[in-house]
Amino acid sequence: MHGKLRIVLTIFSVAVLLSLLVWQRRRFPRPVEEALDRLRLWWLRVAKRIGHAQTVAILFLVYFTAIAVTAIIARCMRRDFLRLSGGPAWHPRRRKQDTIETMLRQF
């Protein structure tokens, strides 16, 4: 067996064994039950840290694959999506005429 596969199988086996122990913890004596509860609380803290690290890594990858790549392509194509290099952003409204009805429906 390869070394990496052995490590993965060991971790998976320990996780399954601990899951079975926690699932059956009400059948154990009181000290064992308390030890399993402490183990469960420790695992929840570890899992929360792992989840936070995964969230940061995934958001980092999404940013650099979606937003940064889009910005590089737009810059190479000389696109200005926000129209920052153009004229004024205010465009006056063109109306045919001001009547009472157009004043009542301004939007």
Protein backbone atom coordinates (compact mmCIF):
# COMPACT_ATOMS: atom_id res chain seq x y z
CA MET A 1 0.00 0.00 0.00
CA HIS A 2 1.21 3.50 -0.73
CA GLY A 3 2.10 5.82 2.13
CA LYS A 4 -0.54 8.45 1.36
CA LEU A 5 -3.29 5.86 1.04
CA ARG A 6 -2.27 4.34 4.36
CA ILE A 7 -2.48 7.77 6.05
CA VAL A 8 -5.90 8.47 4.57
CA LEU A 9 -7.23 5.07 5.59
CA THR A 10 -5.86 5.51 9.11
CA ILE A 11 -7.51 8.91 9.51
CA PHE A 12 -10.77 7.59 8.08
CA SER A 13 -10.69 4.56 10.39
CA VAL A 14 -10.07 6.70 13.47
CA ALA A 15 -12.90 9.05 12.46
CA VAL A 16 -15.30 6.11 12.00
CA LEU A 17 -14.24 4.56 15.30
CA LEU A 18 -14.68 7.84 17.19
CA SER A 19 -18.05 8.38 15.53
CA LEU A 20 -19.22 4.94 16.64
CA LEU A 21 -17.97 5.58 20.17
CA VAL A 22 -19.77 8.91 20.38
CA TRP A 23 -22.91 7.39 18.88
CA GLN A 24 -22.92 4.61 21.48
CA ARG A 25 -21.71 6.77 24.38
CA ARG A 26 -24.92 6.44 26.44
CA ARG A 27 -24.19 2.73 26.92
CA PHE A 28 -20.83 3.34 28.60
CA PRO A 29 -20.14 3.98 32.29
CA ARG A 30 -20.19 7.58 33.51
CA PRO A 31 -16.39 8.26 33.34
CA VAL A 32 -16.14 6.95 29.79
CA GLU A 33 -19.18 9.01 28.80
CA GLU A 34 -17.59 12.17 30.24
CA ALA A 35 -14.33 11.44 28.43
CA LEU A 36 -16.21 11.02 25.16
CA ASP A 37 -18.03 14.30 25.76
CA ARG A 38 -14.70 16.06 26.31
CA LEU A 39 -13.39 14.43 23.14
CA ARG A 40 -16.48 15.60 21.24
CA LEU A 41 -16.07 19.19 22.47
CA TRP A 42 -12.39 19.13 21.53
CA TRP A 43 -13.26 17.85 18.06
CA LEU A 44 -15.90 20.56 17.61
CA ARG A 45 -13.29 23.24 18.38
CA VAL A 46 -10.82 21.65 15.94
CA ALA A 47 -13.51 21.29 13.26
CA LYS A 48 -14.46 24.95 13.66
CA ARG A 49 -10.86 26.01 13.05
CA ILE A 50 -10.59 23.70 10.04
CA GLY A 51 -13.83 25.12 8.65
CA HIS A 52 -12.59 28.68 9.07
CA ALA A 53 -9.33 27.84 7.27
CA GLN A 54 -11.25 26.19 4.44
CA THR A 55 -13.54 29.20 4.10
CA VAL A 56 -10.60 31.58 3.85
CA ALA A 57 -8.85 29.36 1.30
CA ILE A 58 -11.96 28.89 -0.85
CA LEU A 59 -12.80 32.60 -0.85
CA PHE A 60 -9.20 33.43 -1.69
CA LEU A 61 -9.27 31.04 -4.66
CA VAL A 62 -12.65 32.32 -5.85
CA TYR A 63 -11.43 35.91 -5.72
CA PHE A 64 -8.26 35.26 -7.65
CA THR A 65 -9.87 33.01 -10.24
CA ALA A 66 -13.02 35.02 -10.87
CA ILE A 67 -12.36 38.66 -10.11
CA ALA A 68 -8.63 39.01 -10.72
CA VAL A 69 -8.68 37.02 -13.96
CA THR A 70 -11.64 39.06 -15.21
CA ALA A 71 -9.81 42.27 -14.34
CA ILE A 72 -6.66 41.15 -16.17
CA ILE A 73 -8.62 40.17 -19.28
CA ALA A 74 -10.55 43.45 -19.21
CA ARG A 75 -7.34 45.42 -18.87
CA CYS A 76 -5.76 43.55 -21.78
CA MET A 77 -8.84 44.25 -23.91
CA ARG A 78 -8.79 47.90 -22.74
CA ARG A 79 -12.33 47.69 -21.41
CA ASP A 80 -13.62 50.22 -18.88
CA PHE A 81 -16.69 48.65 -17.29
CA LEU A 82 -17.15 51.48 -14.78
CA ARG A 83 -16.58 54.20 -17.41
CA LEU A 84 -14.02 55.89 -15.19
CA SER A 85 -12.08 57.45 -18.05
CA GLY A 86 -15.14 58.92 -19.79
CA GLY A 87 -16.94 62.22 -19.41
CA PRO A 88 -19.35 63.21 -16.68
CA ALA A 89 -21.55 60.52 -15.18
CA TRP A 90 -24.65 62.74 -15.04
CA HIS A 91 -26.88 62.53 -18.08
CA PRO A 92 -29.72 65.04 -18.21
CA ARG A 93 -33.21 63.69 -18.67
CA ARG A 94 -34.81 64.43 -22.00
CA ARG A 95 -38.52 65.20 -21.85
CA LYS A 96 -40.84 66.31 -24.51
CA GLN A 97 -42.71 68.69 -22.30
CA ASP A 98 -43.62 69.30 -18.68
CA THR A 99 -47.26 68.61 -17.95
CA ILE A 100 -49.13 67.95 -14.74
CA GLU A 101 -49.29 64.27 -15.57
CA THR A 102 -45.53 63.96 -16.11
CA MET A 103 -44.94 65.87 -12.87
CA LEU A 104 -47.15 63.39 -10.97
CA ARG A 105 -45.28 60.40 -12.46
CA GLN A 106 -41.67 61.45 -12.08
CA PHE A 107 -40.18 58.00 -11.91
